[in-house]
Amino acid sequence: MSEQHNLTHSLLEEELFTYRQHGYLIREGVFSARELADLTGSVERAVALAHAESASGNAYHLDGKRFVDIGNMTVQFEHGDKSETIRVIEPAHHLDAVLEALVEDTRIVDPVKSIIGVDAVSIWTNKLNLKRAGEGSGFGWHQDSPYWAHDSDHVDLLPNVYLAFDDASAENGCLRVIDKSHLRGCLPGTADGSQLGGFFTDPACFEEKDQVLMEAPAGSLVFFDPHSIHGSEPNLSGNPRRAMVMTYQPANFPMLKTGEVRNVG
């Protein structure tokens, strides 16, 4: 990321206050159009590589949805019979050198250090979310913390950073966050008898009317708490909504899937 400055990108006091109060914060237009061109090229190279490798991976279905494990990486495909469209890759930074550099970008890492209150952080996980035009499915309301609590004893210290590679709008299924839902901590999941139901937040625990749409131009960053309830609608538009969600933790802790320690900043 050649255009970043040698100045701190730490959160301002008012930004940190907003994040603490509401569970999210948007910084618009952090990455330039030139940088986004490099990044989207990197994303598509990563997707092509993951698709090729998935042919020899370990495939399985949960609630009728297809997943493929390739070593420590999991690829999720779009819903529907035999869809070959990838919707999520986790983790993804190792698939391309541009994404490898992105996870260390100070415009991302410095604000995270502000949120956690440390001088150095390490990677917890990251994922590419790929909502293709006209076919990208939605994500039900959920918190990240119940999923991660099985593998981390510091789940409160796992802030997310969402980088929008494309303009994010209601029409193309932008991220939505339930305002102030992070203040209630780790909430129970649904008990609908499905395989994945426990990872979706019990609807009795929140009001959908409290949702806030994270509509923002390409190149924007959305920071959100691991306890914040979030989700999205399908992409019914003619425009893609690609993003990378990067999650960090204090330094010297291992990554979620690989068990490796990757300190940054």
C-alpha atoms as a PDB file:
ATOM      1  CA  MET A   1       0.000   0.000   0.000  1.00  0.00           C
ATOM      2  CA  SER A   2       2.334   2.698  -1.283  1.00  0.00           C
ATOM      3  CA  GLU A   3       0.050   5.679  -0.599  1.00  0.00           C
ATOM      4  CA  GLN A   4      -0.152   5.412   3.180  1.00  0.00           C
ATOM      5  CA  HIS A   5       1.514   8.177   5.179  1.00  0.00           C
ATOM      6  CA  ASN A   6       4.150   7.922   7.895  1.00  0.00           C
ATOM      7  CA  LEU A   7       1.766   9.423  10.418  1.00  0.00           C
ATOM      8  CA  THR A   8      -0.290   7.667  13.029  1.00  0.00           C
ATOM      9  CA  HIS A   9      -3.782   6.701  11.960  1.00  0.00           C
ATOM     10  CA  SER A  10      -4.915   6.077  15.518  1.00  0.00           C
ATOM     11  CA  LEU A  11      -8.517   6.841  16.369  1.00  0.00           C
ATOM     12  CA  LEU A  12      -9.351  10.279  17.671  1.00  0.00           C
ATOM     13  CA  GLU A  13     -10.975  10.482  21.103  1.00  0.00           C
ATOM     14  CA  GLU A  14     -14.381  11.244  19.601  1.00  0.00           C
ATOM     15  CA  GLU A  15     -14.050   8.311  17.201  1.00  0.00           C
ATOM     16  CA  LEU A  16     -13.141   5.957  20.001  1.00  0.00           C
ATOM     17  CA  PHE A  17     -16.112   7.264  22.014  1.00  0.00           C
ATOM     18  CA  THR A  18     -18.436   6.548  19.084  1.00  0.00           C
ATOM     19  CA  TYR A  19     -17.046   3.038  18.718  1.00  0.00           C
ATOM     20  CA  ARG A  20     -17.425   2.317  22.436  1.00  0.00           C
ATOM     21  CA  GLN A  21     -20.983   3.712  22.545  1.00  0.00           C
ATOM     22  CA  HIS A  22     -22.391   2.189  19.374  1.00  0.00           C
ATOM     23  CA  GLY A  23     -20.183  -0.808  18.588  1.00  0.00           C
ATOM     24  CA  TYR A  24     -19.097   0.446  15.186  1.00  0.00           C
ATOM     25  CA  LEU A  25     -17.303   3.297  13.431  1.00  0.00           C
ATOM     26  CA  ILE A  26     -16.987   4.250   9.750  1.00  0.00           C
ATOM     27  CA  ARG A  27     -13.977   5.994   8.224  1.00  0.00           C
ATOM     28  CA  GLU A  28     -14.856   6.879   4.641  1.00  0.00           C
ATOM     29  CA  GLY A  29     -12.565   6.865   1.617  1.00  0.00           C
ATOM     30  CA  VAL A  30      -9.391   5.694   3.356  1.00  0.00           C
ATOM     31  CA  PHE A  31      -8.045   3.905   0.273  1.00  0.00           C
ATOM     32  CA  SER A  32      -7.730   5.624  -3.103  1.00  0.00           C
ATOM     33  CA  ALA A  33      -9.137   4.516  -6.459  1.00  0.00           C
ATOM     34  CA  ARG A  34      -5.639   3.542  -7.613  1.00  0.00           C
ATOM     35  CA  GLU A  35      -5.109   1.389  -4.531  1.00  0.00           C
ATOM     36  CA  LEU A  36      -8.534  -0.197  -4.950  1.00  0.00           C
ATOM     37  CA  ALA A  37      -7.670  -1.202  -8.508  1.00  0.00           C
ATOM     38  CA  ASP A  38      -4.649  -3.114  -7.178  1.00  0.00           C
ATOM     39  CA  LEU A  39      -6.676  -4.580  -4.332  1.00  0.00           C
ATOM     40  CA  THR A  40      -9.578  -5.805  -6.461  1.00  0.00           C
ATOM     41  CA  GLY A  41      -7.102  -7.404  -8.845  1.00  0.00           C
ATOM     42  CA  SER A  42      -5.577  -9.160  -5.860  1.00  0.00           C
ATOM     43  CA  VAL A  43      -9.006 -10.273  -4.653  1.00  0.00           C
ATOM     44  CA  GLU A  44      -9.872 -11.851  -7.988  1.00  0.00           C
ATOM     45  CA  ARG A  45      -6.507 -13.634  -8.154  1.00  0.00           C
ATOM     46  CA  ALA A  46      -7.127 -14.989  -4.654  1.00  0.00           C
ATOM     47  CA  VAL A  47     -10.614 -16.167  -5.611  1.00  0.00           C
ATOM     48  CA  ALA A  48      -9.314 -17.930  -8.722  1.00  0.00           C
ATOM     49  CA  LEU A  49      -6.618 -19.688  -6.694  1.00  0.00           C
ATOM     50  CA  ALA A  50      -9.054 -20.742  -3.972  1.00  0.00           C
ATOM     51  CA  HIS A  51     -11.461 -22.038  -6.608  1.00  0.00           C
ATOM     52  CA  ALA A  52      -8.752 -24.106  -8.268  1.00  0.00           C
ATOM     53  CA  GLU A  53      -7.571 -25.541  -4.950  1.00  0.00           C
ATOM     54  CA  SER A  54     -11.115 -26.372  -3.829  1.00  0.00           C
ATOM     55  CA  ALA A  55     -11.287 -29.157  -6.415  1.00  0.00           C
ATOM     56  CA  SER A  56      -8.957 -31.257  -4.244  1.00  0.00           C
ATOM     57  CA  GLY A  57     -10.191 -30.021  -0.843  1.00  0.00           C
ATOM     58  CA  ASN A  58     -12.394 -31.688   1.749  1.00  0.00           C
ATOM     59  CA  ALA A  59     -15.989 -30.881   0.762  1.00  0.00           C
ATOM     60  CA  TYR A  60     -18.970 -31.089   3.125  1.00  0.00           C
ATOM     61  CA  HIS A  61     -22.459 -29.637   3.607  1.00  0.00           C
ATOM     62  CA  LEU A  62     -24.022 -27.904   6.607  1.00  0.00           C
ATOM     63  CA  ASP A  63     -27.722 -27.077   6.391  1.00  0.00           C
ATOM     64  CA  GLY A  64     -27.467 -27.785   2.668  1.00  0.00           C
ATOM     65  CA  LYS A  65     -24.693 -25.236   2.143  1.00  0.00           C
ATOM     66  CA  ARG A  66     -21.406 -26.351   0.578  1.00  0.00           C
ATOM     67  CA  PHE A  67     -18.065 -25.789   2.300  1.00  0.00           C
ATOM     68  CA  VAL A  68     -14.588 -26.927   1.279  1.00  0.00           C
ATOM     69  CA  ASP A  69     -11.599 -27.095   3.633  1.00  0.00           C
ATOM     70  CA  ILE A  70      -8.211 -26.705   1.976  1.00  0.00           C
ATOM     71  CA  GLY A  71      -5.606 -27.096   4.692  1.00  0.00           C
ATOM     72  CA  ASN A  72      -6.381 -24.323   7.196  1.00  0.00           C
ATOM     73  CA  MET A  73      -8.547 -22.377   4.733  1.00  0.00           C
ATOM     74  CA  THR A  74     -12.321 -22.733   4.404  1.00  0.00           C
ATOM     75  CA  VAL A  75     -14.197 -21.826   1.220  1.00  0.00           C
ATOM     76  CA  GLN A  76     -17.961 -21.310   1.285  1.00  0.00           C
ATOM     77  CA  PHE A  77     -19.962 -21.470  -1.929  1.00  0.00           C
ATOM     78  CA  GLU A  78     -23.146 -19.633  -2.769  1.00  0.00           C
ATOM     79  CA  HIS A  79     -26.382 -21.362  -1.847  1.00  0.00           C
ATOM     80  CA  GLY A  80     -28.140 -23.395  -4.469  1.00  0.00           C
ATOM     81  CA  ASP A  81     -27.549 -26.632  -6.279  1.00  0.00           C
ATOM     82  CA  LYS A  82     -23.945 -27.067  -7.380  1.00  0.00           C
ATOM     83  CA  SER A  83     -23.148 -23.358  -7.411  1.00  0.00           C
ATOM     84  CA  GLU A  84     -19.504 -22.703  -8.287  1.00  0.00           C
ATOM     85  CA  THR A  85     -19.608 -19.091  -7.077  1.00  0.00           C
ATOM     86  CA  ILE A  86     -17.510 -18.513  -3.953  1.00  0.00           C
ATOM     87  CA  ARG A  87     -19.098 -16.343  -1.277  1.00  0.00           C
ATOM     88  CA  VAL A  88     -16.494 -16.500   1.568  1.00  0.00           C
ATOM     89  CA  ILE A  89     -12.813 -17.432   1.899  1.00  0.00           C
ATOM     90  CA  GLU A  90     -11.271 -17.623   5.405  1.00  0.00           C
ATOM     91  CA  PRO A  91      -8.442 -16.868   5.947  1.00  0.00           C
ATOM     92  CA  ALA A  92      -7.462 -15.235   2.654  1.00  0.00           C
ATOM     93  CA  HIS A  93      -4.421 -13.005   3.172  1.00  0.00           C
ATOM     94  CA  HIS A  94      -1.964 -15.762   2.222  1.00  0.00           C
ATOM     95  CA  LEU A  95      -3.436 -16.153  -1.260  1.00  0.00           C
ATOM     96  CA  ASP A  96      -1.862 -13.027  -2.763  1.00  0.00           C
ATOM     97  CA  ALA A  97       1.031 -10.701  -1.908  1.00  0.00           C
ATOM     98  CA  VAL A  98      -1.163  -7.578  -2.052  1.00  0.00           C
ATOM     99  CA  LEU A  99      -3.510  -9.028   0.571  1.00  0.00           C
ATOM    100  CA  GLU A 100      -0.478 -10.059   2.664  1.00  0.00           C
ATOM    101  CA  ALA A 101       0.626  -6.417   2.706  1.00  0.00           C
ATOM    102  CA  LEU A 102      -2.894  -5.144   3.356  1.00  0.00           C
ATOM    103  CA  VAL A 103      -3.224  -6.810   6.768  1.00  0.00           C
ATOM    104  CA  GLU A 104      -0.192  -4.806   7.956  1.00  0.00           C
ATOM    105  CA  ASP A 105      -1.328  -1.432   6.580  1.00  0.00           C
ATOM    106  CA  THR A 106      -1.060   1.205   9.313  1.00  0.00           C
ATOM    107  CA  ARG A 107      -4.404   2.736   8.316  1.00  0.00           C
ATOM    108  CA  ILE A 108      -5.967  -0.504   9.485  1.00  0.00           C
ATOM    109  CA  VAL A 109      -3.618  -1.541  12.282  1.00  0.00           C
ATOM    110  CA  ASP A 110      -3.245   1.806  14.090  1.00  0.00           C
ATOM    111  CA  PRO A 111      -6.984   2.236  14.765  1.00  0.00           C
ATOM    112  CA  VAL A 112      -7.157  -1.366  15.972  1.00  0.00           C
ATOM    113  CA  LYS A 113      -4.364  -0.680  18.459  1.00  0.00           C
ATOM    114  CA  SER A 114      -6.420   2.286  19.694  1.00  0.00           C
ATOM    115  CA  ILE A 115      -9.462   0.083  20.202  1.00  0.00           C
ATOM    116  CA  ILE A 116      -7.615  -2.677  22.054  1.00  0.00           C
ATOM    117  CA  GLY A 117      -5.334  -0.261  23.903  1.00  0.00           C
ATOM    118  CA  VAL A 118      -2.022  -1.919  22.997  1.00  0.00           C
ATOM    119  CA  ASP A 119       1.153  -1.024  21.111  1.00  0.00           C
ATOM    120  CA  ALA A 120       1.197  -4.126  18.926  1.00  0.00           C
ATOM    121  CA  VAL A 121      -1.367  -6.588  17.638  1.00  0.00           C
ATOM    122  CA  SER A 122      -1.501  -9.918  15.869  1.00  0.00           C
ATOM    123  CA  ILE A 123      -3.853 -11.406  13.323  1.00  0.00           C
ATOM    124  CA  TRP A 124      -6.778 -13.457  14.615  1.00  0.00           C
ATOM    125  CA  THR A 125      -8.445 -14.182  11.271  1.00  0.00           C
ATOM    126  CA  ASN A 126      -9.600 -12.548   8.051  1.00  0.00           C
ATOM    127  CA  LYS A 127     -12.030 -13.357   5.300  1.00  0.00           C
ATOM    128  CA  LEU A 128     -13.061 -12.265   1.847  1.00  0.00           C
ATOM    129  CA  ASN A 129     -16.801 -11.675   1.539  1.00  0.00           C
ATOM    130  CA  LEU A 130     -17.817 -11.814  -2.110  1.00  0.00           C
ATOM    131  CA  LYS A 131     -21.320 -10.691  -2.970  1.00  0.00           C
ATOM    132  CA  ARG A 132     -21.474 -11.027  -6.714  1.00  0.00           C
ATOM    133  CA  ALA A 133     -23.932  -8.888  -8.659  1.00  0.00           C
ATOM    134  CA  GLY A 134     -27.425 -10.344  -8.640  1.00  0.00           C
ATOM    135  CA  GLU A 135     -26.530 -13.566  -6.808  1.00  0.00           C
ATOM    136  CA  GLY A 136     -24.729 -12.732  -3.574  1.00  0.00           C
ATOM    137  CA  SER A 137     -26.721 -14.239  -0.707  1.00  0.00           C
ATOM    138  CA  GLY A 138     -27.291 -12.515   2.623  1.00  0.00           C
ATOM    139  CA  PHE A 139     -25.944 -13.279   6.090  1.00  0.00           C
ATOM    140  CA  GLY A 140     -28.339 -13.790   8.996  1.00  0.00           C
ATOM    141  CA  TRP A 141     -28.079 -11.758  12.186  1.00  0.00           C
ATOM    142  CA  HIS A 142     -25.164 -13.010  14.273  1.00  0.00           C
ATOM    143  CA  GLN A 143     -22.306 -12.098  16.576  1.00  0.00           C
ATOM    144  CA  ASP A 144     -18.750 -13.281  15.968  1.00  0.00           C
ATOM    145  CA  SER A 145     -18.022 -13.798  19.659  1.00  0.00           C
ATOM    146  CA  PRO A 146     -20.041 -17.030  20.201  1.00  0.00           C
ATOM    147  CA  TYR A 147     -18.171 -18.655  17.319  1.00  0.00           C
ATOM    148  CA  TRP A 148     -14.757 -17.512  18.538  1.00  0.00           C
ATOM    149  CA  ALA A 149     -15.318 -18.104  22.262  1.00  0.00           C
ATOM    150  CA  HIS A 150     -14.409 -21.775  21.829  1.00  0.00           C
ATOM    151  CA  ASP A 151     -10.904 -20.873  20.651  1.00  0.00           C
ATOM    152  CA  SER A 152     -10.093 -17.628  22.479  1.00  0.00           C
ATOM    153  CA  ASP A 153     -10.117 -16.567  26.124  1.00  0.00           C
ATOM    154  CA  HIS A 154      -9.928 -12.882  25.135  1.00  0.00           C
ATOM    155  CA  VAL A 155     -12.923 -12.691  22.818  1.00  0.00           C
ATOM    156  CA  ASP A 156     -13.652  -9.100  23.955  1.00  0.00           C
ATOM    157  CA  LEU A 157     -10.350  -8.057  22.339  1.00  0.00           C
ATOM    158  CA  LEU A 158     -11.032  -9.180  18.761  1.00  0.00           C
ATOM    159  CA  PRO A 159     -12.160  -6.072  16.843  1.00  0.00           C
ATOM    160  CA  ASN A 160     -13.112  -6.368  13.180  1.00  0.00           C
ATOM    161  CA  VAL A 161     -12.112  -4.077  10.320  1.00  0.00           C
ATOM    162  CA  TYR A 162     -14.222  -4.242   7.156  1.00  0.00           C
ATOM    163  CA  LEU A 163     -12.641  -2.791   4.003  1.00  0.00           C
ATOM    164  CA  ALA A 164     -15.119  -2.055   1.216  1.00  0.00           C
ATOM    165  CA  PHE A 165     -13.626  -2.814  -2.203  1.00  0.00           C
ATOM    166  CA  ASP A 166     -16.849  -1.621  -3.858  1.00  0.00           C
ATOM    167  CA  ASP A 167     -19.423   1.011  -2.953  1.00  0.00           C
ATOM    168  CA  ALA A 168     -21.633  -0.527  -0.259  1.00  0.00           C
ATOM    169  CA  SER A 169     -25.348   0.277  -0.383  1.00  0.00           C
ATOM    170  CA  ALA A 170     -28.695  -1.157   0.664  1.00  0.00           C
ATOM    171  CA  GLU A 171     -29.208  -2.302  -2.928  1.00  0.00           C
ATOM    172  CA  ASN A 172     -26.087  -4.485  -3.051  1.00  0.00           C
ATOM    173  CA  GLY A 173     -26.445  -5.938   0.428  1.00  0.00           C
ATOM    174  CA  CYS A 174     -24.287  -3.710   2.623  1.00  0.00           C
ATOM    175  CA  LEU A 175     -23.269  -4.686   6.142  1.00  0.00           C
ATOM    176  CA  ARG A 176     -25.876  -3.870   8.811  1.00  0.00           C
ATOM    177  CA  VAL A 177     -25.177  -3.528  12.540  1.00  0.00           C
ATOM    178  CA  ILE A 178     -27.624  -3.549  15.457  1.00  0.00           C
ATOM    179  CA  ASP A 179     -26.804  -0.329  17.278  1.00  0.00           C
ATOM    180  CA  LYS A 180     -25.365  -0.786  20.795  1.00  0.00           C
ATOM    181  CA  SER A 181     -25.903  -4.559  20.717  1.00  0.00           C
ATOM    182  CA  HIS A 182     -22.256  -5.086  21.739  1.00  0.00           C
ATOM    183  CA  LEU A 183     -23.046  -3.751  25.205  1.00  0.00           C
ATOM    184  CA  ARG A 184     -24.865  -6.980  26.068  1.00  0.00           C
ATOM    185  CA  GLY A 185     -21.900  -9.277  25.524  1.00  0.00           C
ATOM    186  CA  CYS A 186     -22.146 -12.778  24.098  1.00  0.00           C
ATOM    187  CA  LEU A 187     -25.808 -13.618  23.411  1.00  0.00           C
ATOM    188  CA  PRO A 188     -27.499 -17.009  22.911  1.00  0.00           C
ATOM    189  CA  GLY A 189     -28.007 -18.478  19.470  1.00  0.00           C
ATOM    190  CA  THR A 190     -31.176 -19.820  17.939  1.00  0.00           C
ATOM    191  CA  ALA A 191     -32.433 -23.273  18.856  1.00  0.00           C
ATOM    192  CA  ASP A 192     -34.116 -24.214  15.592  1.00  0.00           C
ATOM    193  CA  GLY A 193     -32.561 -27.659  15.284  1.00  0.00           C
ATOM    194  CA  SER A 194     -30.360 -26.739  12.315  1.00  0.00           C
ATOM    195  CA  GLN A 195     -26.638 -27.432  12.187  1.00  0.00           C
ATOM    196  CA  LEU A 196     -25.644 -23.759  12.073  1.00  0.00           C
ATOM    197  CA  GLY A 197     -28.541 -22.257  14.025  1.00  0.00           C
ATOM    198  CA  GLY A 198     -26.556 -21.819  17.206  1.00  0.00           C
ATOM    199  CA  PHE A 199     -24.306 -19.283  15.484  1.00  0.00           C
ATOM    200  CA  PHE A 200     -27.206 -16.973  14.623  1.00  0.00           C
ATOM    201  CA  THR A 201     -28.406 -14.682  17.398  1.00  0.00           C
ATOM    202  CA  ASP A 202     -31.718 -15.488  19.072  1.00  0.00           C
ATOM    203  CA  PRO A 203     -34.141 -12.891  17.607  1.00  0.00           C
ATOM    204  CA  ALA A 204     -35.659 -12.387  21.063  1.00  0.00           C
ATOM    205  CA  CYS A 205     -32.379 -10.712  22.104  1.00  0.00           C
ATOM    206  CA  PHE A 206     -32.579  -7.667  19.809  1.00  0.00           C
ATOM    207  CA  GLU A 207     -34.845  -5.441  17.746  1.00  0.00           C
ATOM    208  CA  GLU A 208     -34.292  -5.248  13.990  1.00  0.00           C
ATOM    209  CA  LYS A 209     -35.511  -1.654  14.069  1.00  0.00           C
ATOM    210  CA  ASP A 210     -32.200  -0.767  15.747  1.00  0.00           C
ATOM    211  CA  GLN A 211     -30.173  -1.740  12.680  1.00  0.00           C
ATOM    212  CA  VAL A 212     -27.872   0.787  11.049  1.00  0.00           C
ATOM    213  CA  LEU A 213     -26.801   0.378   7.424  1.00  0.00           C
ATOM    214  CA  MET A 214     -23.056   0.621   6.863  1.00  0.00           C
ATOM    215  CA  GLU A 215     -23.450   2.398   3.520  1.00  0.00           C
ATOM    216  CA  ALA A 216     -20.081   3.777   2.470  1.00  0.00           C
ATOM    217  CA  PRO A 217     -18.048   4.415  -0.681  1.00  0.00           C
ATOM    218  CA  ALA A 218     -15.388   2.013  -1.894  1.00  0.00           C
ATOM    219  CA  GLY A 219     -12.161   2.372   0.070  1.00  0.00           C
ATOM    220  CA  SER A 220     -13.944   2.960   3.386  1.00  0.00           C
ATOM    221  CA  LEU A 221     -13.235   1.132   6.630  1.00  0.00           C
ATOM    222  CA  VAL A 222     -15.880  -0.059   9.087  1.00  0.00           C
ATOM    223  CA  PHE A 223     -14.653  -1.017  12.552  1.00  0.00           C
ATOM    224  CA  PHE A 224     -17.058  -3.127  14.601  1.00  0.00           C
ATOM    225  CA  ASP A 225     -17.035  -4.927  17.928  1.00  0.00           C
ATOM    226  CA  PRO A 226     -16.914  -8.760  18.137  1.00  0.00           C
ATOM    227  CA  HIS A 227     -20.143  -8.653  20.178  1.00  0.00           C
ATOM    228  CA  SER A 228     -21.992  -6.402  17.703  1.00  0.00           C
ATOM    229  CA  ILE A 229     -24.910  -8.187  16.061  1.00  0.00           C
ATOM    230  CA  HIS A 230     -24.523  -7.825  12.319  1.00  0.00           C
ATOM    231  CA  GLY A 231     -25.780  -9.272   9.057  1.00  0.00           C
ATOM    232  CA  SER A 232     -26.732  -8.322   5.526  1.00  0.00           C
ATOM    233  CA  GLU A 233     -29.362  -8.709   2.823  1.00  0.00           C
ATOM    234  CA  PRO A 234     -28.787 -10.394  -0.568  1.00  0.00           C
ATOM    235  CA  ASN A 235     -27.221  -8.464  -3.413  1.00  0.00           C
ATOM    236  CA  LEU A 236     -30.066  -7.918  -5.856  1.00  0.00           C
ATOM    237  CA  SER A 237     -28.276  -5.159  -7.758  1.00  0.00           C
ATOM    238  CA  GLY A 238     -26.073  -5.186 -10.847  1.00  0.00           C
ATOM    239  CA  ASN A 239     -23.053  -4.154  -8.790  1.00  0.00           C
ATOM    240  CA  PRO A 240     -20.716  -6.384  -6.760  1.00  0.00           C
ATOM    241  CA  ARG A 241     -20.154  -5.860  -3.047  1.00  0.00           C
ATOM    242  CA  ARG A 242     -16.740  -7.300  -2.290  1.00  0.00           C
ATOM    243  CA  ALA A 243     -15.047  -6.734   1.053  1.00  0.00           C
ATOM    244  CA  MET A 244     -12.334  -8.073   3.320  1.00  0.00           C
ATOM    245  CA  VAL A 245     -12.970  -8.372   7.035  1.00  0.00           C
ATOM    246  CA  MET A 246      -9.787  -8.438   9.112  1.00  0.00           C
ATOM    247  CA  THR A 247      -9.828  -9.332  12.798  1.00  0.00           C
ATOM    248  CA  TYR A 248      -6.994  -8.585  15.204  1.00  0.00           C
ATOM    249  CA  GLN A 249      -6.018  -9.345  18.797  1.00  0.00           C
ATOM    250  CA  PRO A 250      -3.212  -8.387  21.206  1.00  0.00           C
ATOM    251  CA  ALA A 251       0.265  -9.411  20.053  1.00  0.00           C
ATOM    252  CA  ASN A 252       1.754 -12.890  20.514  1.00  0.00           C
ATOM    253  CA  PHE A 253      -1.498 -14.856  20.340  1.00  0.00           C
ATOM    254  CA  PRO A 254      -2.004 -17.515  17.639  1.00  0.00           C
ATOM    255  CA  MET A 255      -4.318 -17.206  14.664  1.00  0.00           C
ATOM    256  CA  LEU A 256      -7.722 -18.900  14.720  1.00  0.00           C
ATOM    257  CA  LYS A 257      -7.213 -21.580  12.089  1.00  0.00           C
ATOM    258  CA  THR A 258      -3.469 -21.942  11.594  1.00  0.00           C
ATOM    259  CA  GLY A 259      -2.226 -21.689  15.185  1.00  0.00           C
ATOM    260  CA  GLU A 260       0.625 -19.502  13.910  1.00  0.00           C
ATOM    261  CA  VAL A 261       1.520 -16.177  15.519  1.00  0.00           C
ATOM    262  CA  ARG A 262       1.529 -13.251  13.060  1.00  0.00           C
ATOM    263  CA  ASN A 263       2.357 -10.008  14.853  1.00  0.00           C
ATOM    264  CA  VAL A 264       1.816  -6.732  13.011  1.00  0.00           C
ATOM    265  CA  GLY A 265       2.359  -3.124  13.979  1.00  0.00           C
END
